[in-house]
């Protein structure tokens, strides 16, 4: 069975999730806030799974565990969605809801998908990873100490040997064009990339940017 997993319910993460799940025949999994988004699309609710943290889900050979996460600092539109959101809707109607990381355990290795540049201390204890898909949106606007603590919690402590930065591209641009960073008023991408590159070199961690629509084996 395939699944679409929603890390939190802001519009740039969750707005199209019911459509993607519908077109791919996948189950949709997320918070109660994401459930309200799915309801507004007429998504078949017998294919929606409300996520419980630290309760493993099984999809084929993958064991998927949602872990507590924290949105990047000074996030807009906090709170929860309490009713169906019918598009067209304002971005403010897509409240954050619960925030998750996803840990994937497979016979060939382990992957962590962490969508937002923040962390809950200790939340990942006991969950190692070979590869981390690391959210870095607004990381360039944080302090040096924050960036070091973030790397330590998500990379050093999980034992990851590869980092794939995500959530750095300008999501106001269509995906039929090459990915470009968020504009400077939203983030300082160069500062983030310089930090990741330097940490990767110092600790022997392979840091590589993804290319839109290009497949990558995270465990290769």
C-alpha atoms as a PDB file:
ATOM      1  CA  UNK A   1       0.000   0.000   0.000  1.00  0.00           C
ATOM      2  CA  UNK A   2       1.215   3.513  -0.833  1.00  0.00           C
ATOM      3  CA  UNK A   3       0.850   6.455   1.543  1.00  0.00           C
ATOM      4  CA  UNK A   4       0.978  10.239   1.502  1.00  0.00           C
ATOM      5  CA  UNK A   5       2.295  11.414   4.884  1.00  0.00           C
ATOM      6  CA  UNK A   6       1.665  15.019   5.943  1.00  0.00           C
ATOM      7  CA  UNK A   7       4.171  16.580   8.352  1.00  0.00           C
ATOM      8  CA  UNK A   8       1.881  19.505   9.287  1.00  0.00           C
ATOM      9  CA  UNK A   9      -1.113  21.286   7.835  1.00  0.00           C
ATOM     10  CA  UNK A  10       0.201  24.586   6.447  1.00  0.00           C
ATOM     11  CA  UNK A  11      -0.935  25.106   2.886  1.00  0.00           C
ATOM     12  CA  UNK A  12       2.468  24.416   1.327  1.00  0.00           C
ATOM     13  CA  UNK A  13       2.549  20.973   2.972  1.00  0.00           C
ATOM     14  CA  UNK A  14      -1.058  19.844   3.029  1.00  0.00           C
ATOM     15  CA  UNK A  15      -3.232  21.757   0.568  1.00  0.00           C
ATOM     16  CA  UNK A  16      -2.821  19.312  -2.340  1.00  0.00           C
ATOM     17  CA  UNK A  17      -2.267  16.179  -0.264  1.00  0.00           C
ATOM     18  CA  UNK A  18      -5.792  14.756  -0.804  1.00  0.00           C
ATOM     19  CA  UNK A  19      -5.421  15.255  -4.573  1.00  0.00           C
ATOM     20  CA  UNK A  20      -2.042  13.499  -4.647  1.00  0.00           C
ATOM     21  CA  UNK A  21      -3.381  10.621  -2.548  1.00  0.00           C
ATOM     22  CA  UNK A  22      -6.485  10.333  -4.730  1.00  0.00           C
ATOM     23  CA  UNK A  23      -4.553  10.272  -7.998  1.00  0.00           C
ATOM     24  CA  UNK A  24      -2.027   7.742  -6.751  1.00  0.00           C
ATOM     25  CA  UNK A  25      -4.486   5.505  -4.928  1.00  0.00           C
ATOM     26  CA  UNK A  26      -2.604   6.075  -1.682  1.00  0.00           C
ATOM     27  CA  UNK A  27      -3.699   6.254   1.899  1.00  0.00           C
ATOM     28  CA  UNK A  28      -3.499   9.752   3.403  1.00  0.00           C
ATOM     29  CA  UNK A  29      -2.055  10.079   6.911  1.00  0.00           C
ATOM     30  CA  UNK A  30      -1.858  13.196   9.035  1.00  0.00           C
ATOM     31  CA  UNK A  31      -3.174  15.119  12.015  1.00  0.00           C
ATOM     32  CA  UNK A  32      -6.837  15.933  12.781  1.00  0.00           C
ATOM     33  CA  UNK A  33      -6.193  19.275  11.048  1.00  0.00           C
ATOM     34  CA  UNK A  34      -5.118  17.467   7.888  1.00  0.00           C
ATOM     35  CA  UNK A  35      -8.231  15.332   8.185  1.00  0.00           C
ATOM     36  CA  UNK A  36     -10.375  18.476   7.913  1.00  0.00           C
ATOM     37  CA  UNK A  37      -8.525  19.422   4.717  1.00  0.00           C
ATOM     38  CA  UNK A  38      -9.207  15.960   3.289  1.00  0.00           C
ATOM     39  CA  UNK A  39     -12.894  16.238   4.184  1.00  0.00           C
ATOM     40  CA  UNK A  40     -13.204  19.447   2.182  1.00  0.00           C
ATOM     41  CA  UNK A  41     -11.956  17.636  -0.947  1.00  0.00           C
ATOM     42  CA  UNK A  42     -14.458  14.810  -0.554  1.00  0.00           C
ATOM     43  CA  UNK A  43     -11.580  12.405   0.044  1.00  0.00           C
ATOM     44  CA  UNK A  44     -12.662   8.882   0.980  1.00  0.00           C
ATOM     45  CA  UNK A  45     -12.233   8.991   4.735  1.00  0.00           C
ATOM     46  CA  UNK A  46     -11.814   5.231   5.013  1.00  0.00           C
ATOM     47  CA  UNK A  47      -8.437   5.909   3.364  1.00  0.00           C
ATOM     48  CA  UNK A  48      -7.443   8.546   5.912  1.00  0.00           C
ATOM     49  CA  UNK A  49      -5.335   7.545   8.915  1.00  0.00           C
ATOM     50  CA  UNK A  50      -4.973   9.852  11.914  1.00  0.00           C
ATOM     51  CA  UNK A  51      -1.349   9.736  13.019  1.00  0.00           C
ATOM     52  CA  UNK A  52      -0.399   8.702  16.531  1.00  0.00           C
ATOM     53  CA  UNK A  53       3.185   9.581  17.467  1.00  0.00           C
ATOM     54  CA  UNK A  54       5.533   6.674  18.180  1.00  0.00           C
ATOM     55  CA  UNK A  55       2.971   4.179  16.839  1.00  0.00           C
ATOM     56  CA  UNK A  56       4.582   2.375  13.875  1.00  0.00           C
ATOM     57  CA  UNK A  57       2.668   2.020  10.610  1.00  0.00           C
ATOM     58  CA  UNK A  58       3.438  -0.697   8.084  1.00  0.00           C
ATOM     59  CA  UNK A  59       3.568  -0.031   4.342  1.00  0.00           C
ATOM     60  CA  UNK A  60       5.039  -2.983   2.488  1.00  0.00           C
ATOM     61  CA  UNK A  61       8.602  -3.464   3.726  1.00  0.00           C
ATOM     62  CA  UNK A  62       8.612  -0.053   5.439  1.00  0.00           C
ATOM     63  CA  UNK A  63       7.885   0.563   9.089  1.00  0.00           C
ATOM     64  CA  UNK A  64       6.993   4.241   9.417  1.00  0.00           C
ATOM     65  CA  UNK A  65       6.984   5.995  12.780  1.00  0.00           C
ATOM     66  CA  UNK A  66       5.814   9.575  13.299  1.00  0.00           C
ATOM     67  CA  UNK A  67       7.855  11.447  15.898  1.00  0.00           C
ATOM     68  CA  UNK A  68       7.153  14.765  17.621  1.00  0.00           C
ATOM     69  CA  UNK A  69       8.542  17.783  15.767  1.00  0.00           C
ATOM     70  CA  UNK A  70       8.473  21.555  16.040  1.00  0.00           C
ATOM     71  CA  UNK A  71       7.893  24.072  13.266  1.00  0.00           C
ATOM     72  CA  UNK A  72      10.691  26.494  12.424  1.00  0.00           C
ATOM     73  CA  UNK A  73      10.823  29.509  14.775  1.00  0.00           C
ATOM     74  CA  UNK A  74       8.293  32.330  14.504  1.00  0.00           C
ATOM     75  CA  UNK A  75       5.960  30.284  12.345  1.00  0.00           C
ATOM     76  CA  UNK A  76       2.871  31.944  10.962  1.00  0.00           C
ATOM     77  CA  UNK A  77      -0.625  30.448  11.251  1.00  0.00           C
ATOM     78  CA  UNK A  78      -0.281  28.342  14.421  1.00  0.00           C
ATOM     79  CA  UNK A  79      -3.194  26.505  16.010  1.00  0.00           C
ATOM     80  CA  UNK A  80      -5.418  23.797  14.596  1.00  0.00           C
ATOM     81  CA  UNK A  81      -8.000  23.501  11.838  1.00  0.00           C
ATOM     82  CA  UNK A  82     -11.409  22.922  13.395  1.00  0.00           C
ATOM     83  CA  UNK A  83     -13.590  22.655  10.288  1.00  0.00           C
ATOM     84  CA  UNK A  84     -13.401  21.680   6.632  1.00  0.00           C
ATOM     85  CA  UNK A  85     -11.362  24.089   4.498  1.00  0.00           C
ATOM     86  CA  UNK A  86     -13.030  24.590   1.127  1.00  0.00           C
ATOM     87  CA  UNK A  87     -10.741  25.932  -1.630  1.00  0.00           C
ATOM     88  CA  UNK A  88     -10.277  28.618  -2.655  1.00  0.00           C
ATOM     89  CA  UNK A  89      -9.246  29.544   0.889  1.00  0.00           C
ATOM     90  CA  UNK A  90      -6.753  31.950   2.416  1.00  0.00           C
ATOM     91  CA  UNK A  91      -3.394  30.620   3.602  1.00  0.00           C
ATOM     92  CA  UNK A  92      -4.397  31.570   7.140  1.00  0.00           C
ATOM     93  CA  UNK A  93      -7.114  28.916   7.093  1.00  0.00           C
ATOM     94  CA  UNK A  94      -4.436  26.235   6.769  1.00  0.00           C
ATOM     95  CA  UNK A  95      -3.373  26.297  10.410  1.00  0.00           C
ATOM     96  CA  UNK A  96      -0.311  24.295  11.387  1.00  0.00           C
ATOM     97  CA  UNK A  97      -1.887  21.532  13.471  1.00  0.00           C
ATOM     98  CA  UNK A  98       0.388  18.820  14.856  1.00  0.00           C
ATOM     99  CA  UNK A  99       3.948  18.673  13.540  1.00  0.00           C
ATOM    100  CA  UNK A 100       5.732  15.387  12.792  1.00  0.00           C
ATOM    101  CA  UNK A 101       8.987  13.882  11.610  1.00  0.00           C
ATOM    102  CA  UNK A 102       8.809  10.521   9.829  1.00  0.00           C
ATOM    103  CA  UNK A 103      11.251   7.693  10.492  1.00  0.00           C
ATOM    104  CA  UNK A 104      11.361   4.937   7.872  1.00  0.00           C
ATOM    105  CA  UNK A 105      12.841   1.576   8.821  1.00  0.00           C
ATOM    106  CA  UNK A 106      13.519  -0.834   5.934  1.00  0.00           C
ATOM    107  CA  UNK A 107      15.642  -3.998   5.673  1.00  0.00           C
ATOM    108  CA  UNK A 108      18.118  -1.989   3.555  1.00  0.00           C
ATOM    109  CA  UNK A 109      18.460   0.921   5.981  1.00  0.00           C
ATOM    110  CA  UNK A 110      16.795   3.812   7.775  1.00  0.00           C
ATOM    111  CA  UNK A 111      15.671   7.241   6.598  1.00  0.00           C
ATOM    112  CA  UNK A 112      14.411  10.261   8.525  1.00  0.00           C
ATOM    113  CA  UNK A 113      12.257  12.906   6.856  1.00  0.00           C
ATOM    114  CA  UNK A 114      12.258  16.088   8.925  1.00  0.00           C
ATOM    115  CA  UNK A 115      10.319  18.848   7.211  1.00  0.00           C
ATOM    116  CA  UNK A 116      10.786  21.913   9.452  1.00  0.00           C
ATOM    117  CA  UNK A 117      13.988  23.567  10.660  1.00  0.00           C
ATOM    118  CA  UNK A 118      13.467  23.087  14.376  1.00  0.00           C
ATOM    119  CA  UNK A 119      13.455  20.167  16.784  1.00  0.00           C
ATOM    120  CA  UNK A 120      12.076  18.768  20.018  1.00  0.00           C
ATOM    121  CA  UNK A 121      15.012  17.880  22.302  1.00  0.00           C
ATOM    122  CA  UNK A 122      15.222  14.128  22.785  1.00  0.00           C
ATOM    123  CA  UNK A 123      12.384  13.312  20.393  1.00  0.00           C
ATOM    124  CA  UNK A 124      14.665  11.318  18.089  1.00  0.00           C
ATOM    125  CA  UNK A 125      16.506   9.396  20.790  1.00  0.00           C
ATOM    126  CA  UNK A 126      16.691   5.735  19.785  1.00  0.00           C
ATOM    127  CA  UNK A 127      15.931   6.431  16.100  1.00  0.00           C
ATOM    128  CA  UNK A 128      19.072   6.234  14.000  1.00  0.00           C
ATOM    129  CA  UNK A 129      19.179   7.074  10.289  1.00  0.00           C
ATOM    130  CA  UNK A 130      21.445   6.515   7.316  1.00  0.00           C
ATOM    131  CA  UNK A 131      19.969   9.476   5.430  1.00  0.00           C
ATOM    132  CA  UNK A 132      18.148  12.560   6.683  1.00  0.00           C
ATOM    133  CA  UNK A 133      15.911  14.639   4.441  1.00  0.00           C
ATOM    134  CA  UNK A 134      16.562  17.829   6.367  1.00  0.00           C
ATOM    135  CA  UNK A 135      14.175  20.780   6.275  1.00  0.00           C
ATOM    136  CA  UNK A 136      16.196  24.000   6.141  1.00  0.00           C
ATOM    137  CA  UNK A 137      13.540  26.648   5.469  1.00  0.00           C
ATOM    138  CA  UNK A 138      14.512  29.827   7.435  1.00  0.00           C
ATOM    139  CA  UNK A 139      17.600  28.073   8.865  1.00  0.00           C
ATOM    140  CA  UNK A 140      19.735  30.840   7.357  1.00  0.00           C
ATOM    141  CA  UNK A 141      17.918  33.392   9.520  1.00  0.00           C
ATOM    142  CA  UNK A 142      18.680  31.618  12.792  1.00  0.00           C
ATOM    143  CA  UNK A 143      21.715  32.037  15.026  1.00  0.00           C
ATOM    144  CA  UNK A 144      24.947  30.078  14.646  1.00  0.00           C
ATOM    145  CA  UNK A 145      24.147  28.295  17.918  1.00  0.00           C
ATOM    146  CA  UNK A 146      20.720  27.267  16.641  1.00  0.00           C
ATOM    147  CA  UNK A 147      22.201  25.848  13.439  1.00  0.00           C
ATOM    148  CA  UNK A 148      24.808  23.862  15.377  1.00  0.00           C
ATOM    149  CA  UNK A 149      22.204  22.474  17.788  1.00  0.00           C
ATOM    150  CA  UNK A 150      19.929  21.603  14.885  1.00  0.00           C
ATOM    151  CA  UNK A 151      22.665  19.686  13.053  1.00  0.00           C
ATOM    152  CA  UNK A 152      23.624  17.892  16.254  1.00  0.00           C
ATOM    153  CA  UNK A 153      20.049  16.780  16.985  1.00  0.00           C
ATOM    154  CA  UNK A 154      19.169  15.705  13.435  1.00  0.00           C
ATOM    155  CA  UNK A 155      22.463  14.508  11.964  1.00  0.00           C
ATOM    156  CA  UNK A 156      25.140  13.812  14.571  1.00  0.00           C
ATOM    157  CA  UNK A 157      22.848  12.102  17.092  1.00  0.00           C
ATOM    158  CA  UNK A 158      21.059  10.001  14.458  1.00  0.00           C
ATOM    159  CA  UNK A 159      24.373   8.838  12.960  1.00  0.00           C
ATOM    160  CA  UNK A 160      23.345   9.922   9.451  1.00  0.00           C
ATOM    161  CA  UNK A 161      25.967   9.752   6.698  1.00  0.00           C
ATOM    162  CA  UNK A 162      23.932  11.595   4.073  1.00  0.00           C
ATOM    163  CA  UNK A 163      21.877  14.800   4.284  1.00  0.00           C
ATOM    164  CA  UNK A 164      19.471  15.896   1.559  1.00  0.00           C
ATOM    165  CA  UNK A 165      18.261  19.465   2.241  1.00  0.00           C
ATOM    166  CA  UNK A 166      14.553  20.008   1.605  1.00  0.00           C
ATOM    167  CA  UNK A 167      12.070  22.858   1.975  1.00  0.00           C
ATOM    168  CA  UNK A 168      14.602  25.434   0.742  1.00  0.00           C
ATOM    169  CA  UNK A 169      13.151  26.101  -2.702  1.00  0.00           C
ATOM    170  CA  UNK A 170      10.810  28.887  -3.733  1.00  0.00           C
ATOM    171  CA  UNK A 171       7.395  27.214  -3.544  1.00  0.00           C
ATOM    172  CA  UNK A 172       5.723  30.188  -5.230  1.00  0.00           C
ATOM    173  CA  UNK A 173       7.234  29.013  -8.529  1.00  0.00           C
ATOM    174  CA  UNK A 174       5.848  26.120 -10.616  1.00  0.00           C
ATOM    175  CA  UNK A 175       7.656  22.791 -10.571  1.00  0.00           C
ATOM    176  CA  UNK A 176       8.063  22.658 -14.341  1.00  0.00           C
ATOM    177  CA  UNK A 177      10.978  25.064 -13.848  1.00  0.00           C
ATOM    178  CA  UNK A 178      14.340  24.417 -12.150  1.00  0.00           C
ATOM    179  CA  UNK A 179      14.311  24.781  -8.373  1.00  0.00           C
ATOM    180  CA  UNK A 180      15.453  28.149  -7.037  1.00  0.00           C
ATOM    181  CA  UNK A 181      15.960  29.206  -3.390  1.00  0.00           C
ATOM    182  CA  UNK A 182      13.458  31.167  -1.377  1.00  0.00           C
ATOM    183  CA  UNK A 183      13.883  34.945  -1.830  1.00  0.00           C
ATOM    184  CA  UNK A 184      16.221  36.744   0.545  1.00  0.00           C
ATOM    185  CA  UNK A 185      13.411  38.333   2.556  1.00  0.00           C
ATOM    186  CA  UNK A 186      12.224  34.826   3.505  1.00  0.00           C
ATOM    187  CA  UNK A 187      15.570  33.123   4.128  1.00  0.00           C
ATOM    188  CA  UNK A 188      19.329  33.277   3.626  1.00  0.00           C
ATOM    189  CA  UNK A 189      19.883  30.128   1.571  1.00  0.00           C
ATOM    190  CA  UNK A 190      23.581  30.745   0.942  1.00  0.00           C
ATOM    191  CA  UNK A 191      24.281  30.926   4.661  1.00  0.00           C
ATOM    192  CA  UNK A 192      22.407  27.647   5.223  1.00  0.00           C
ATOM    193  CA  UNK A 193      24.192  25.873   2.382  1.00  0.00           C
ATOM    194  CA  UNK A 194      27.598  27.122   3.533  1.00  0.00           C
ATOM    195  CA  UNK A 195      26.903  25.854   7.046  1.00  0.00           C
ATOM    196  CA  UNK A 196      25.725  22.429   5.822  1.00  0.00           C
ATOM    197  CA  UNK A 197      28.666  22.072   3.470  1.00  0.00           C
ATOM    198  CA  UNK A 198      31.198  22.924   6.160  1.00  0.00           C
ATOM    199  CA  UNK A 199      29.598  20.579   8.705  1.00  0.00           C
ATOM    200  CA  UNK A 200      29.372  17.805   6.149  1.00  0.00           C
ATOM    201  CA  UNK A 201      33.055  18.097   5.262  1.00  0.00           C
ATOM    202  CA  UNK A 202      34.108  18.225   8.907  1.00  0.00           C
ATOM    203  CA  UNK A 203      32.087  15.132   9.877  1.00  0.00           C
ATOM    204  CA  UNK A 204      32.286  13.100   6.692  1.00  0.00           C
ATOM    205  CA  UNK A 205      28.601  13.514   5.850  1.00  0.00           C
ATOM    206  CA  UNK A 206      27.525  13.599   2.203  1.00  0.00           C
ATOM    207  CA  UNK A 207      25.377  16.726   1.650  1.00  0.00           C
ATOM    208  CA  UNK A 208      23.623  16.962  -1.688  1.00  0.00           C
ATOM    209  CA  UNK A 209      20.754  19.065  -3.019  1.00  0.00           C
ATOM    210  CA  UNK A 210      17.833  17.277  -4.690  1.00  0.00           C
ATOM    211  CA  UNK A 211      16.869  17.884  -8.316  1.00  0.00           C
ATOM    212  CA  UNK A 212      13.170  18.182  -9.104  1.00  0.00           C
ATOM    213  CA  UNK A 213      11.689  14.964 -10.567  1.00  0.00           C
ATOM    214  CA  UNK A 214      15.040  13.177 -10.417  1.00  0.00           C
ATOM    215  CA  UNK A 215      14.878   9.877  -8.531  1.00  0.00           C
ATOM    216  CA  UNK A 216      17.437   9.264  -5.820  1.00  0.00           C
ATOM    217  CA  UNK A 217      18.054   6.157  -3.752  1.00  0.00           C
ATOM    218  CA  UNK A 218      18.563   7.487  -0.209  1.00  0.00           C
ATOM    219  CA  UNK A 219      20.282   4.264   0.831  1.00  0.00           C
ATOM    220  CA  UNK A 220      22.642   3.875  -2.146  1.00  0.00           C
END
